[in-house]
Amino acid sequence: MFIGEYGKFNYLTYLGVIFALIAMALTLNGEPTLAMMAFIMSGVCDLFDGRFARQFVRTPQQEQYGIEIDSLSDMVNFVAFPTVMLLTQAFNNYVSVLVVIIYALAATNRLAYFNSSTKAEGHGQYFIGLPVTYSALFFPLLYLLDQWFAMDLFPILSHVMALVLAFLFIWKRPIPKPNGIAYAVFVLLALLTLVGLGFLQW
């Protein structure tokens, strides 16, 4: 009846997109702390959606669809949301637009590169360039530290972070893929950041 694949194997990917869209709405409504919390959840969903999908028996077509929808959801989660967030934090309209353009182009190129070399990266031990998912940890952690220490520098720091991430996205250097311990560390750091943001909110 409808195009697309709506099996359980895609549920976590869809949930990540939902969290990113909620984060955008919260940002536009002046709720940056809640937005960062939703952004972290989007990143956690993306971190595990591949493993989650592999728990199900899928046809080759469904596996290929999963690759495509994962990359497209990354555009929403880790390109669209950060650009919205950066523009709401703008300290100078021209500078902010330029930073957003650089960040979005670098992230888009990283995703395109990943798509074009999925088979090679999928079976290797390294990524080439930093995966865009890492933005879901770095931006909220930076925001938490800025608020925690009352620096009030997040508008400037977030733009600097965006430029650093843009460089790392397209830097042609191998980056080890996370193993079990790295996954645990990533999730623990995300949860600690989430708890810290919760204290700020409430």
Protein backbone atom coordinates (compact mmCIF):
# COMPACT_ATOMS: atom_id res chain seq x y z
CA MET A 1 0.00 0.00 0.00
CA PHE A 2 2.86 2.41 0.80
CA ILE A 3 6.41 2.63 -0.47
CA GLY A 4 9.24 2.03 1.97
CA GLU A 5 10.14 -0.54 4.60
CA TYR A 6 8.34 -0.26 7.92
CA GLY A 7 9.58 -3.37 9.66
CA LYS A 8 10.76 -3.41 13.27
CA PHE A 9 14.35 -3.34 12.03
CA ASN A 10 13.91 0.35 11.13
CA TYR A 11 12.14 1.46 14.30
CA LEU A 12 15.26 2.75 16.05
CA THR A 13 16.27 4.77 12.99
CA TYR A 14 12.81 6.35 12.86
CA LEU A 15 12.96 7.07 16.59
CA GLY A 16 16.25 8.92 16.11
CA VAL A 17 14.66 11.15 13.47
CA ILE A 18 11.74 11.84 15.80
CA PHE A 19 14.10 12.92 18.59
CA ALA A 20 15.99 15.20 16.17
CA LEU A 21 12.75 16.84 15.00
CA ILE A 22 11.67 17.33 18.61
CA ALA A 23 15.08 18.88 19.30
CA MET A 24 14.56 21.34 16.44
CA ALA A 25 11.12 22.30 17.71
CA LEU A 26 12.46 22.82 21.23
CA THR A 27 15.32 24.95 19.91
CA LEU A 28 12.96 27.16 17.95
CA ASN A 29 10.74 27.48 21.03
CA GLY A 30 13.63 28.68 23.18
CA GLU A 31 14.27 25.45 25.09
CA PRO A 32 17.95 24.75 24.32
CA THR A 33 18.57 22.45 27.29
CA LEU A 34 15.68 20.14 26.43
CA ALA A 35 16.75 20.34 22.79
CA MET A 36 20.23 19.10 23.67
CA MET A 37 18.72 16.24 25.66
CA ALA A 38 16.64 15.19 22.68
CA PHE A 39 19.71 15.53 20.43
CA ILE A 40 21.67 13.12 22.64
CA MET A 41 18.84 10.59 22.43
CA SER A 42 18.92 10.92 18.65
CA GLY A 43 22.63 10.10 18.72
CA VAL A 44 22.12 7.08 20.99
CA CYS A 45 19.47 5.75 18.60
CA ASP A 46 21.87 6.13 15.69
CA LEU A 47 24.66 4.44 17.62
CA PHE A 48 22.64 1.27 18.04
CA ASP A 49 20.24 1.21 15.09
CA GLY A 50 22.59 -0.87 12.95
CA ARG A 51 23.09 -3.49 15.64
CA PHE A 52 19.36 -3.46 16.33
CA ALA A 53 18.50 -4.01 12.65
CA ARG A 54 20.93 -6.92 12.38
CA GLN A 55 18.95 -8.79 15.02
CA PHE A 56 16.25 -9.37 12.41
CA VAL A 57 16.24 -11.53 9.31
CA ARG A 58 16.18 -9.13 6.35
CA THR A 59 16.14 -9.53 2.60
CA PRO A 60 19.03 -8.01 0.59
CA GLN A 61 16.61 -5.29 -0.51
CA GLN A 62 15.71 -4.48 3.10
CA GLU A 63 19.39 -4.35 4.05
CA GLN A 64 20.09 -1.91 1.21
CA TYR A 65 17.07 0.15 2.21
CA GLY A 66 18.42 0.25 5.77
CA ILE A 67 21.72 1.70 4.54
CA GLU A 68 19.92 4.41 2.58
CA ILE A 69 17.46 5.39 5.30
CA ASP A 70 20.23 5.47 7.91
CA SER A 71 22.22 7.96 5.85
CA LEU A 72 19.17 10.09 5.08
CA SER A 73 18.19 10.15 8.74
CA ASP A 74 21.72 11.31 9.55
CA MET A 75 21.07 14.35 7.36
CA VAL A 76 18.12 15.25 9.58
CA ASN A 77 19.70 14.31 12.89
CA PHE A 78 23.27 15.54 12.57
CA VAL A 79 23.15 18.12 9.78
CA ALA A 80 19.74 19.79 9.95
CA PHE A 81 19.51 20.04 13.74
CA PRO A 82 23.01 21.46 14.29
CA THR A 83 22.41 24.08 11.60
CA VAL A 84 19.15 25.14 13.24
CA MET A 85 20.85 25.20 16.63
CA LEU A 86 23.78 27.27 15.33
CA LEU A 87 21.50 29.80 13.67
CA THR A 88 19.52 30.29 16.89
CA GLN A 89 22.83 30.87 18.71
CA ALA A 90 24.04 33.35 16.10
CA PHE A 91 26.31 36.06 17.52
CA ASN A 92 26.87 37.53 14.07
CA ASN A 93 24.48 36.74 11.22
CA TYR A 94 27.10 36.68 8.47
CA VAL A 95 29.60 34.63 10.45
CA SER A 96 26.93 32.19 11.58
CA VAL A 97 25.64 31.63 8.07
CA LEU A 98 29.18 31.02 6.83
CA VAL A 99 29.88 28.54 9.63
CA VAL A 100 26.58 26.75 8.97
CA ILE A 101 27.42 26.46 5.27
CA ILE A 102 30.88 25.04 6.02
CA TYR A 103 29.49 22.58 8.58
CA ALA A 104 26.61 21.42 6.37
CA LEU A 105 28.78 20.93 3.29
CA ALA A 106 31.42 19.01 5.22
CA ALA A 107 28.82 16.77 6.89
CA THR A 108 27.06 16.16 3.58
CA ASN A 109 30.36 15.21 1.95
CA ARG A 110 31.17 12.86 4.83
CA LEU A 111 27.82 11.11 4.40
CA ALA A 112 28.22 10.91 0.63
CA TYR A 113 31.69 9.43 1.06
CA PHE A 114 30.34 6.89 3.52
CA ASN A 115 27.55 5.92 1.10
CA SER A 116 29.96 5.48 -1.78
CA SER A 117 32.28 3.27 0.27
CA THR A 118 29.82 1.53 2.57
CA LYS A 119 31.01 -1.95 1.71
CA ALA A 120 34.62 -1.11 2.40
CA GLU A 121 33.89 0.73 5.65
CA GLY A 122 31.33 -1.80 6.73
CA HIS A 123 33.90 -4.59 6.96
CA GLY A 124 36.94 -2.60 8.05
CA GLN A 125 38.12 -1.60 11.48
CA TYR A 126 38.32 2.11 10.69
CA PHE A 127 36.18 4.99 9.55
CA ILE A 128 37.68 7.53 7.16
CA GLY A 129 36.81 10.89 8.66
CA LEU A 130 34.82 11.42 11.82
CA PRO A 131 31.23 10.07 11.63
CA VAL A 132 28.66 12.87 11.88
CA THR A 133 26.97 11.04 14.77
CA TYR A 134 29.66 12.32 17.14
CA SER A 135 28.14 15.79 16.93
CA ALA A 136 25.32 14.46 19.15
CA LEU A 137 27.84 14.14 21.96
CA PHE A 138 30.19 17.07 21.41
CA PHE A 139 27.58 19.85 21.09
CA PRO A 140 25.51 18.84 24.17
CA LEU A 141 28.67 18.26 26.25
CA LEU A 142 29.99 21.67 25.25
CA TYR A 143 26.63 23.25 26.11
CA LEU A 144 26.57 21.51 29.50
CA LEU A 145 30.09 22.68 30.41
CA ASP A 146 29.29 26.23 29.32
CA GLN A 147 26.12 26.33 31.43
CA TRP A 148 27.66 24.49 34.37
CA PHE A 149 30.54 26.94 34.68
CA ALA A 150 28.36 29.94 33.74
CA MET A 151 30.69 30.98 30.96
CA ASP A 152 27.91 32.23 28.66
CA LEU A 153 30.15 31.59 25.67
CA PHE A 154 28.13 28.89 23.95
CA PRO A 155 27.19 31.02 20.92
CA ILE A 156 30.88 31.49 20.11
CA LEU A 157 32.08 28.06 21.32
CA SER A 158 29.40 26.22 19.33
CA HIS A 159 30.57 27.90 16.12
CA VAL A 160 34.19 27.00 16.86
CA MET A 161 33.08 23.43 17.57
CA ALA A 162 31.18 23.33 14.28
CA LEU A 163 34.30 24.33 12.35
CA VAL A 164 36.42 21.74 14.17
CA LEU A 165 33.85 19.03 13.47
CA ALA A 166 33.58 20.09 9.83
CA PHE A 167 37.33 19.63 9.47
CA LEU A 168 37.25 16.23 11.18
CA PHE A 169 34.32 15.05 9.03
CA ILE A 170 36.34 15.39 5.84
CA TRP A 171 39.84 14.80 7.20
CA LYS A 172 41.13 11.80 5.29
CA ARG A 173 42.49 9.92 8.27
CA PRO A 174 41.46 6.50 9.64
CA ILE A 175 39.51 6.61 12.88
CA PRO A 176 39.09 3.32 14.79
CA LYS A 177 35.54 2.04 14.91
CA PRO A 178 34.17 1.76 18.45
CA ASN A 179 34.37 -1.68 20.00
CA GLY A 180 32.38 -2.95 22.96
CA ILE A 181 34.31 -0.87 25.50
CA ALA A 182 34.15 2.27 23.35
CA TYR A 183 30.40 1.82 22.94
CA ALA A 184 30.04 1.55 26.71
CA VAL A 185 32.14 4.68 27.26
CA PHE A 186 30.17 6.59 24.63
CA VAL A 187 26.84 5.59 26.17
CA LEU A 188 28.07 6.36 29.71
CA LEU A 189 29.28 9.80 28.67
CA ALA A 190 26.00 10.45 26.86
CA LEU A 191 24.01 9.41 29.95
CA LEU A 192 26.14 11.57 32.25
CA THR A 193 25.65 14.53 29.92
CA LEU A 194 21.93 13.78 29.83
CA VAL A 195 21.76 13.72 33.64
CA GLY A 196 23.75 16.96 33.85
CA LEU A 197 21.40 18.64 31.42
CA GLY A 198 18.47 17.33 33.44
CA PHE A 199 19.81 19.06 36.55
CA LEU A 200 20.14 22.29 34.60
CA GLN A 201 16.56 22.03 33.40
CA TRP A 202 15.00 21.13 36.73
